[in-house]
N, C-alpha and C. Protein backbone atom coordinates (compact mmCIF):
# COMPACT_ATOMS: atom_id res chain seq x y z
N MET A 1 42.98 91.90 -45.28
CA MET A 1 43.26 90.67 -44.57
C MET A 1 44.37 90.94 -43.57
N ALA A 2 44.27 90.30 -42.41
CA ALA A 2 45.29 90.44 -41.38
C ALA A 2 46.62 89.90 -41.89
N LEU A 3 47.67 90.40 -41.32
CA LEU A 3 49.00 89.92 -41.69
C LEU A 3 49.17 88.47 -41.28
N ILE A 4 49.92 87.74 -42.05
CA ILE A 4 50.23 86.35 -41.75
C ILE A 4 51.34 86.33 -40.71
N PRO A 5 51.15 85.63 -39.59
CA PRO A 5 52.20 85.61 -38.57
C PRO A 5 53.47 84.93 -39.06
N SER A 6 54.61 85.39 -38.59
CA SER A 6 55.89 84.83 -39.04
C SER A 6 56.00 83.35 -38.70
N ARG A 7 55.35 82.90 -37.63
CA ARG A 7 55.43 81.48 -37.27
C ARG A 7 54.68 80.57 -38.25
N ALA A 8 53.93 81.15 -39.17
CA ALA A 8 53.23 80.35 -40.17
C ALA A 8 54.19 79.54 -41.01
N LYS A 9 55.44 79.99 -41.09
CA LYS A 9 56.44 79.27 -41.88
C LYS A 9 56.76 77.90 -41.30
N VAL A 10 56.49 77.68 -40.01
CA VAL A 10 56.84 76.41 -39.38
C VAL A 10 55.62 75.52 -39.12
N TRP A 11 54.44 75.96 -39.48
CA TRP A 11 53.26 75.12 -39.30
C TRP A 11 53.34 73.93 -40.25
N ASP A 12 53.00 72.76 -39.75
CA ASP A 12 53.04 71.55 -40.58
C ASP A 12 51.80 71.38 -41.43
N ILE A 13 50.63 71.58 -40.84
CA ILE A 13 49.35 71.40 -41.54
C ILE A 13 48.44 72.57 -41.20
N VAL A 14 47.81 73.12 -42.24
CA VAL A 14 46.82 74.18 -42.04
C VAL A 14 45.55 73.77 -42.80
N LEU A 15 44.44 73.71 -42.09
CA LEU A 15 43.14 73.43 -42.71
C LEU A 15 42.38 74.74 -42.85
N VAL A 16 41.88 75.01 -44.04
CA VAL A 16 41.24 76.29 -44.32
C VAL A 16 39.91 76.05 -45.04
N ASP A 17 38.88 76.73 -44.59
CA ASP A 17 37.60 76.72 -45.29
C ASP A 17 37.66 77.77 -46.40
N GLN A 18 36.86 77.63 -47.43
CA GLN A 18 36.86 78.62 -48.51
C GLN A 18 36.09 79.87 -48.12
N HIS A 19 34.97 79.73 -47.44
CA HIS A 19 34.15 80.89 -47.07
C HIS A 19 34.06 80.98 -45.55
N MET A 20 34.70 82.00 -44.99
CA MET A 20 34.69 82.19 -43.54
C MET A 20 34.06 83.53 -43.22
N ASP A 21 32.93 83.48 -42.54
CA ASP A 21 32.24 84.70 -42.14
C ASP A 21 32.99 85.34 -40.97
N LEU A 22 33.29 86.61 -41.11
CA LEU A 22 34.01 87.35 -40.08
C LEU A 22 33.03 88.11 -39.19
N LYS A 23 33.48 88.49 -38.01
CA LYS A 23 32.63 89.19 -37.06
C LYS A 23 32.09 90.50 -37.61
N ASP A 24 32.84 91.15 -38.48
CA ASP A 24 32.41 92.44 -39.02
C ASP A 24 31.43 92.29 -40.18
N GLY A 25 31.03 91.04 -40.48
CA GLY A 25 30.08 90.80 -41.55
C GLY A 25 30.73 90.54 -42.90
N ASP A 26 32.02 90.73 -42.98
CA ASP A 26 32.75 90.48 -44.21
C ASP A 26 33.02 88.98 -44.34
N THR A 27 33.56 88.57 -45.46
CA THR A 27 33.91 87.16 -45.70
C THR A 27 35.39 87.07 -46.04
N ALA A 28 36.07 86.12 -45.41
CA ALA A 28 37.45 85.81 -45.76
C ALA A 28 37.43 84.57 -46.64
N TYR A 29 38.28 84.53 -47.64
CA TYR A 29 38.32 83.41 -48.56
C TYR A 29 39.59 82.59 -48.35
N GLY A 30 39.41 81.30 -48.26
CA GLY A 30 40.53 80.40 -48.05
C GLY A 30 41.60 80.53 -49.11
N THR A 31 41.19 80.76 -50.36
CA THR A 31 42.17 80.90 -51.43
C THR A 31 43.08 82.10 -51.19
N ASP A 32 42.52 83.18 -50.63
CA ASP A 32 43.34 84.35 -50.30
C ASP A 32 44.32 84.02 -49.18
N ILE A 33 43.85 83.26 -48.19
CA ILE A 33 44.71 82.89 -47.06
C ILE A 33 45.82 81.96 -47.52
N VAL A 34 45.48 80.97 -48.33
CA VAL A 34 46.49 80.03 -48.83
C VAL A 34 47.54 80.79 -49.65
N SER A 35 47.10 81.66 -50.53
CA SER A 35 48.05 82.44 -51.34
C SER A 35 48.95 83.29 -50.45
N ALA A 36 48.37 83.95 -49.45
CA ALA A 36 49.16 84.80 -48.54
C ALA A 36 50.16 83.97 -47.74
N LEU A 37 49.75 82.77 -47.31
CA LEU A 37 50.66 81.89 -46.58
C LEU A 37 51.85 81.50 -47.47
N ARG A 38 51.58 81.16 -48.71
CA ARG A 38 52.67 80.78 -49.62
C ARG A 38 53.61 81.96 -49.87
N VAL A 39 53.05 83.14 -50.09
CA VAL A 39 53.88 84.33 -50.31
C VAL A 39 54.75 84.60 -49.08
N ALA A 40 54.20 84.33 -47.88
CA ALA A 40 54.94 84.55 -46.64
C ALA A 40 56.00 83.48 -46.39
N GLY A 41 56.05 82.47 -47.26
CA GLY A 41 57.07 81.45 -47.13
C GLY A 41 56.63 80.18 -46.44
N ALA A 42 55.34 80.03 -46.20
CA ALA A 42 54.84 78.82 -45.55
C ALA A 42 55.09 77.61 -46.45
N GLU A 43 55.73 76.60 -45.89
CA GLU A 43 56.03 75.38 -46.64
C GLU A 43 55.21 74.20 -46.16
N GLY A 44 54.35 74.42 -45.18
CA GLY A 44 53.53 73.34 -44.64
C GLY A 44 52.50 72.86 -45.64
N CYS A 45 51.78 71.85 -45.24
CA CYS A 45 50.71 71.28 -46.06
C CYS A 45 49.44 72.10 -45.85
N LEU A 46 49.00 72.77 -46.87
CA LEU A 46 47.81 73.62 -46.80
C LEU A 46 46.64 72.88 -47.44
N ILE A 47 45.61 72.63 -46.65
CA ILE A 47 44.48 71.82 -47.09
C ILE A 47 43.20 72.62 -47.00
N MET A 48 42.45 72.61 -48.08
CA MET A 48 41.13 73.22 -48.07
C MET A 48 40.13 72.19 -47.51
N HIS A 49 39.33 72.59 -46.54
CA HIS A 49 38.26 71.75 -45.99
C HIS A 49 36.97 72.50 -46.25
N THR A 50 36.28 72.10 -47.31
CA THR A 50 35.19 72.92 -47.80
C THR A 50 34.11 72.08 -48.46
N GLY A 51 32.92 72.62 -48.49
CA GLY A 51 31.82 71.99 -49.19
C GLY A 51 31.85 72.30 -50.68
N ASN A 52 32.68 73.25 -51.06
CA ASN A 52 32.83 73.63 -52.46
C ASN A 52 33.97 72.80 -53.05
N ASN A 53 33.65 71.62 -53.53
CA ASN A 53 34.73 70.73 -53.97
C ASN A 53 34.46 70.05 -55.30
N THR A 54 33.95 70.83 -56.25
CA THR A 54 33.84 70.32 -57.61
C THR A 54 35.24 70.26 -58.21
N ALA A 55 35.39 69.62 -59.34
CA ALA A 55 36.69 69.55 -60.01
C ALA A 55 37.21 70.96 -60.31
N GLU A 56 36.32 71.85 -60.70
CA GLU A 56 36.71 73.23 -60.99
C GLU A 56 37.17 73.94 -59.71
N ASP A 57 36.44 73.74 -58.61
CA ASP A 57 36.84 74.32 -57.32
C ASP A 57 38.22 73.83 -56.92
N ILE A 58 38.42 72.52 -57.00
CA ILE A 58 39.69 71.92 -56.59
C ILE A 58 40.84 72.46 -57.41
N ALA A 59 40.66 72.59 -58.71
CA ALA A 59 41.70 73.15 -59.57
C ALA A 59 42.05 74.57 -59.13
N GLY A 60 41.05 75.34 -58.75
CA GLY A 60 41.29 76.70 -58.27
C GLY A 60 42.08 76.72 -56.97
N TYR A 61 41.74 75.83 -56.04
CA TYR A 61 42.45 75.78 -54.76
C TYR A 61 43.91 75.40 -54.99
N LEU A 62 44.13 74.41 -55.84
CA LEU A 62 45.49 73.97 -56.12
C LEU A 62 46.30 75.09 -56.78
N SER A 63 45.65 75.85 -57.65
CA SER A 63 46.35 76.94 -58.33
C SER A 63 46.73 78.07 -57.37
N HIS A 64 46.05 78.15 -56.23
CA HIS A 64 46.39 79.15 -55.21
C HIS A 64 47.43 78.64 -54.22
N GLY A 65 47.84 77.38 -54.36
CA GLY A 65 48.89 76.85 -53.49
C GLY A 65 48.46 75.80 -52.49
N ALA A 66 47.17 75.40 -52.53
CA ALA A 66 46.73 74.34 -51.63
C ALA A 66 47.34 73.01 -52.08
N ASP A 67 47.57 72.14 -51.10
CA ASP A 67 48.11 70.82 -51.41
C ASP A 67 47.02 69.78 -51.64
N GLY A 68 45.80 70.10 -51.26
CA GLY A 68 44.71 69.16 -51.45
C GLY A 68 43.42 69.70 -50.87
N VAL A 69 42.36 68.91 -51.03
CA VAL A 69 41.02 69.31 -50.59
C VAL A 69 40.36 68.13 -49.88
N ILE A 70 39.72 68.45 -48.78
CA ILE A 70 38.89 67.47 -48.08
C ILE A 70 37.48 68.04 -48.08
N GLY A 71 36.56 67.33 -48.68
CA GLY A 71 35.18 67.79 -48.71
C GLY A 71 34.54 67.68 -47.34
N LYS A 72 33.71 68.65 -47.02
CA LYS A 72 32.97 68.57 -45.76
C LYS A 72 32.06 67.35 -45.83
N GLY A 73 31.97 66.65 -44.72
CA GLY A 73 31.19 65.42 -44.69
C GLY A 73 32.01 64.19 -45.02
N HIS A 74 33.30 64.38 -45.31
CA HIS A 74 34.18 63.24 -45.58
C HIS A 74 34.13 62.30 -44.37
N PRO A 75 34.04 60.99 -44.59
CA PRO A 75 33.88 60.06 -43.46
C PRO A 75 35.11 59.97 -42.55
N ALA A 76 36.27 60.34 -43.04
CA ALA A 76 37.49 60.24 -42.23
C ALA A 76 38.41 61.43 -42.52
N PRO A 77 38.00 62.65 -42.14
CA PRO A 77 38.78 63.83 -42.52
C PRO A 77 40.20 63.86 -41.94
N PHE A 78 40.40 63.36 -40.73
CA PHE A 78 41.73 63.39 -40.14
C PHE A 78 42.67 62.41 -40.86
N LYS A 79 42.13 61.26 -41.20
CA LYS A 79 42.92 60.28 -41.95
C LYS A 79 43.28 60.84 -43.33
N GLU A 80 42.35 61.52 -43.96
CA GLU A 80 42.60 62.13 -45.27
C GLU A 80 43.62 63.26 -45.16
N ALA A 81 43.53 64.06 -44.09
CA ALA A 81 44.50 65.14 -43.88
C ALA A 81 45.90 64.56 -43.73
N LEU A 82 46.03 63.48 -42.99
CA LEU A 82 47.32 62.84 -42.82
C LEU A 82 47.85 62.30 -44.15
N ALA A 83 46.97 61.71 -44.95
CA ALA A 83 47.38 61.21 -46.27
C ALA A 83 47.86 62.36 -47.16
N LEU A 84 47.15 63.48 -47.15
CA LEU A 84 47.55 64.64 -47.95
C LEU A 84 48.87 65.21 -47.44
N TYR A 85 49.06 65.21 -46.14
CA TYR A 85 50.31 65.70 -45.55
C TYR A 85 51.49 64.83 -45.99
N ARG A 86 51.31 63.52 -45.92
CA ARG A 86 52.37 62.61 -46.34
C ARG A 86 52.69 62.78 -47.82
N LYS A 87 51.66 62.94 -48.63
CA LYS A 87 51.86 63.14 -50.06
C LYS A 87 52.61 64.45 -50.32
N ALA A 88 52.23 65.50 -49.61
CA ALA A 88 52.88 66.80 -49.79
C ALA A 88 54.35 66.71 -49.39
N LEU A 89 54.65 65.98 -48.31
CA LEU A 89 56.05 65.82 -47.89
C LEU A 89 56.87 65.12 -48.96
N CYS A 90 56.30 64.12 -49.57
CA CYS A 90 57.01 63.36 -50.60
C CYS A 90 57.26 64.19 -51.86
N GLN A 91 56.40 65.16 -52.11
CA GLN A 91 56.53 65.97 -53.33
C GLN A 91 57.41 67.19 -53.15
N ARG A 92 57.72 67.55 -51.91
CA ARG A 92 58.55 68.73 -51.66
C ARG A 92 60.01 68.42 -51.98
N PRO A 93 60.68 69.36 -52.63
CA PRO A 93 62.11 69.15 -52.85
C PRO A 93 62.82 69.20 -51.49
N THR A 94 63.83 68.39 -51.33
CA THR A 94 64.57 68.40 -50.08
C THR A 94 65.54 69.57 -50.08
N ASN A 95 65.68 70.17 -48.92
CA ASN A 95 66.59 71.29 -48.75
C ASN A 95 67.89 70.75 -48.21
N PRO A 96 69.00 70.83 -48.97
CA PRO A 96 70.26 70.27 -48.52
C PRO A 96 70.75 70.87 -47.20
N GLU A 97 70.34 72.11 -46.90
CA GLU A 97 70.75 72.76 -45.66
C GLU A 97 70.06 72.13 -44.45
N ASN A 98 68.88 71.53 -44.65
CA ASN A 98 68.11 70.95 -43.55
C ASN A 98 68.28 69.44 -43.47
N GLY A 99 69.10 68.88 -44.30
CA GLY A 99 69.34 67.43 -44.26
C GLY A 99 68.30 66.70 -45.00
């Protein structure tokens, strides 16, 4: 997997699919990307946008560091992303250095 850019730490929202076909024929997995983002220090809201959204799938995404899941075909994905972002902000511990 490509290195996670250092600016990923300041991204507010990242939407990731679980199965992404790459040009070389390989597949990148959203769970790997979410885990790598968290290891790199990303504190933004990481959301899986995927058709694989059974309860078992969702538990797996959350265990890799995702803040939530939006199923493909959701009638209002942007509204749901905003709701997940707001929820993630409320659940994050405040950093006294950042006010």
